[in-house]
Each structure stands twice: as C-alpha cells, then as structure tokens.
C-alpha atoms as a PDB file:
ATOM      1  CA  THR A   1       0.000   0.000   0.000  1.00  0.00           C
ATOM      2  CA  GLY A   2       1.066   3.556  -0.617  1.00  0.00           C
ATOM      3  CA  ASP A   3       3.196   2.737  -3.674  1.00  0.00           C
ATOM      4  CA  GLY A   4       0.671   4.080  -6.168  1.00  0.00           C
ATOM      5  CA  ALA A   5      -2.966   4.069  -7.114  1.00  0.00           C
ATOM      6  CA  VAL A   6      -5.138   1.606  -9.011  1.00  0.00           C
ATOM      7  CA  LEU A   7      -7.380   2.924 -11.801  1.00  0.00           C
ATOM      8  CA  VAL A   8     -10.301   0.685 -12.787  1.00  0.00           C
ATOM      9  CA  PHE A   9     -12.306   1.372 -15.968  1.00  0.00           C
ATOM     10  CA  LEU A  10     -15.935   0.257 -15.724  1.00  0.00           C
ATOM     11  CA  PRO A  11     -18.861   0.583 -18.178  1.00  0.00           C
ATOM     12  CA  GLY A  12     -21.128   2.976 -16.273  1.00  0.00           C
ATOM     13  CA  TRP A  13     -22.481   4.540 -13.102  1.00  0.00           C
ATOM     14  CA  ASN A  14     -24.398   1.458 -11.941  1.00  0.00           C
ATOM     15  CA  VAL A  15     -21.315  -0.748 -12.140  1.00  0.00           C
ATOM     16  CA  ILE A  16     -19.119   1.911 -10.497  1.00  0.00           C
ATOM     17  CA  THR A  17     -21.566   2.183  -7.597  1.00  0.00           C
ATOM     18  CA  MET A  18     -21.947  -1.574  -7.257  1.00  0.00           C
ATOM     19  CA  CYS A  19     -18.174  -2.101  -7.317  1.00  0.00           C
ATOM     20  CA  ALA A  20     -17.566   0.709  -4.785  1.00  0.00           C
ATOM     21  CA  ASP A  21     -20.196  -0.718  -2.438  1.00  0.00           C
ATOM     22  CA  TYR A  22     -18.680  -4.191  -2.734  1.00  0.00           C
ATOM     23  CA  LEU A  23     -15.145  -2.928  -2.083  1.00  0.00           C
ATOM     24  CA  LEU A  24     -16.191  -0.764   0.864  1.00  0.00           C
ATOM     25  CA  GLU A  25     -18.075  -3.699   2.373  1.00  0.00           C
ATOM     26  CA  ASP A  26     -15.295  -6.242   1.974  1.00  0.00           C
ATOM     27  CA  LEU A  27     -12.093  -4.221   2.414  1.00  0.00           C
ATOM     28  CA  CYS A  28     -10.621  -2.635   5.475  1.00  0.00           C
ATOM     29  CA  GLN A  29     -11.537   1.031   5.002  1.00  0.00           C
ATOM     30  CA  THR A  30      -8.434   2.190   6.847  1.00  0.00           C
ATOM     31  CA  GLU A  31      -6.197   0.562   4.212  1.00  0.00           C
ATOM     32  CA  PHE A  32      -8.079   1.608   1.068  1.00  0.00           C
ATOM     33  CA  GLN A  33      -9.466   4.852  -0.307  1.00  0.00           C
ATOM     34  CA  ILE A  34     -12.192   4.306  -2.930  1.00  0.00           C
ATOM     35  CA  VAL A  35     -12.792   7.250  -5.297  1.00  0.00           C
ATOM     36  CA  LYS A  36     -15.628   7.314  -7.838  1.00  0.00           C
ATOM     37  CA  MET A  37     -15.077   9.375 -11.009  1.00  0.00           C
ATOM     38  CA  HIS A  38     -18.368  10.100 -12.768  1.00  0.00           C
ATOM     39  CA  SER A  39     -20.580  13.077 -13.560  1.00  0.00           C
ATOM     40  CA  MET A  40     -23.004  11.833 -10.876  1.00  0.00           C
ATOM     41  CA  VAL A  41     -20.362  12.434  -8.179  1.00  0.00           C
ATOM     42  CA  PRO A  42     -19.808  15.971  -6.811  1.00  0.00           C
ATOM     43  CA  ARG A  43     -16.674  17.622  -8.207  1.00  0.00           C
ATOM     44  CA  GLU A  44     -15.154  17.973  -4.727  1.00  0.00           C
ATOM     45  CA  ASP A  45     -15.374  14.210  -4.200  1.00  0.00           C
ATOM     46  CA  GLN A  46     -13.894  13.486  -7.637  1.00  0.00           C
ATOM     47  CA  MET A  47     -10.927  15.755  -6.890  1.00  0.00           C
ATOM     48  CA  GLN A  48      -9.772  13.173  -4.316  1.00  0.00           C
ATOM     49  CA  ALA A  49      -8.552  11.135  -7.286  1.00  0.00           C
ATOM     50  CA  PHE A  50      -5.774  13.687  -7.869  1.00  0.00           C
ATOM     51  CA  ASN A  51      -4.571  13.757  -4.258  1.00  0.00           C
ATOM     52  CA  ARG A  52      -2.221  11.207  -2.800  1.00  0.00           C
ATOM     53  CA  PRO A  53      -3.909   9.087  -0.131  1.00  0.00           C
ATOM     54  CA  PRO A  54      -2.702   9.121   3.457  1.00  0.00           C
ATOM     55  CA  ARG A  55       0.407   7.029   4.086  1.00  0.00           C
ATOM     56  CA  GLY A  56      -0.472   3.336   4.287  1.00  0.00           C
ATOM     57  CA  GLN A  57      -3.642   3.620   2.173  1.00  0.00           C
ATOM     58  CA  LEU A  58      -4.088   2.329  -1.359  1.00  0.00           C
ATOM     59  CA  LYS A  59      -6.212   4.584  -3.570  1.00  0.00           C
ATOM     60  CA  VAL A  60      -8.591   2.792  -5.963  1.00  0.00           C
ATOM     61  CA  VAL A  61     -10.192   5.038  -8.587  1.00  0.00           C
ATOM     62  CA  LEU A  62     -13.339   3.705 -10.277  1.00  0.00           C
ATOM     63  CA  ALA A  63     -14.129   5.468 -13.566  1.00  0.00           C
ATOM     64  CA  THR A  64     -15.723   5.022 -16.979  1.00  0.00           C
ATOM     65  CA  ASN A  65     -13.595   4.768 -20.103  1.00  0.00           C
ATOM     66  CA  ILE A  66     -14.403   8.441 -20.831  1.00  0.00           C
ATOM     67  CA  ALA A  67     -11.760   9.240 -18.215  1.00  0.00           C
ATOM     68  CA  GLU A  68      -9.217   7.239 -20.220  1.00  0.00           C
ATOM     69  CA  SER A  69      -8.607  10.089 -22.649  1.00  0.00           C
ATOM     70  CA  SER A  70      -9.622  13.082 -20.563  1.00  0.00           C
ATOM     71  CA  ILE A  71      -7.717  12.913 -17.252  1.00  0.00           C
ATOM     72  CA  THR A  72      -4.296  12.010 -15.906  1.00  0.00           C
ATOM     73  CA  ILE A  73      -3.928  10.826 -12.339  1.00  0.00           C
ATOM     74  CA  PRO A  74      -0.234  11.178 -11.477  1.00  0.00           C
ATOM     75  CA  ASP A  75       0.134   8.368  -8.944  1.00  0.00           C
ATOM     76  CA  VAL A  76      -1.626   5.595 -10.917  1.00  0.00           C
ATOM     77  CA  VAL A  77       0.660   2.598 -11.333  1.00  0.00           C
ATOM     78  CA  TYR A  78      -1.924  -0.108 -12.045  1.00  0.00           C
ATOM     79  CA  VAL A  79      -4.767   0.023 -14.573  1.00  0.00           C
ATOM     80  CA  ILE A  80      -7.567  -2.513 -14.761  1.00  0.00           C
ATOM     81  CA  ASP A  81      -9.782  -2.294 -17.840  1.00  0.00           C
ATOM     82  CA  SER A  82     -12.991  -4.320 -17.744  1.00  0.00           C
ATOM     83  CA  CYS A  83     -13.031  -4.197 -21.577  1.00  0.00           C
ATOM     84  CA  ARG A  84     -16.705  -3.369 -21.393  1.00  0.00           C
ATOM     85  CA  ALA A  85     -18.335  -0.203 -22.628  1.00  0.00           C
ATOM     86  CA  ARG A  86     -21.849   1.055 -22.492  1.00  0.00           C
ATOM     87  CA  LEU A  87     -23.328   1.513 -25.960  1.00  0.00           C
ATOM     88  CA  LYS A  88     -26.230   3.778 -26.758  1.00  0.00           C
END
C-alpha cells in the first residue's frame, strides 16, 4: 500500500456504484481509499482522485472509459480495464 494508485475502468455509473459498495463492504476502510469518477459524483469528491492518499492507504479510482482520454492521475501505477463499454 502507498506505492501508487489503481485505476479501474468500468462501463457505467451502476457498475461503479456496485463495485464501490462491494469494495467498501469487503475491504478494510483504513487501508483503502475508494474514489468514484463520474458526472453523478460531486466535483469535490472526484478531486480526491488527484490527491495522494494518506500514508499506508491504497487509492482505488473507479471510472468510466471516458476518463481514459480526458484525465491524468499522477500516482496511478496499475490500470484494470474491464473491456466493457456502455453503448447507446
């Protein structure tokens, strides 16, 4: 923990919320910081993605693939892509 963040690309808000709820339920909240990146989340909460977590915490950023080309999170060292996208 503390060596960098994990960025997870998910297909949409419902999956981001479901994944965040699952992680928060099953992980020790003192060791992990879960950040949701989506237009449904207040900007102030999304800005946590750009801050380094407290020492000893691993930051996990959950976002849609729109974030893939529009933002850079400096401390991301692992990327998980679900290879799923929401089509209209």
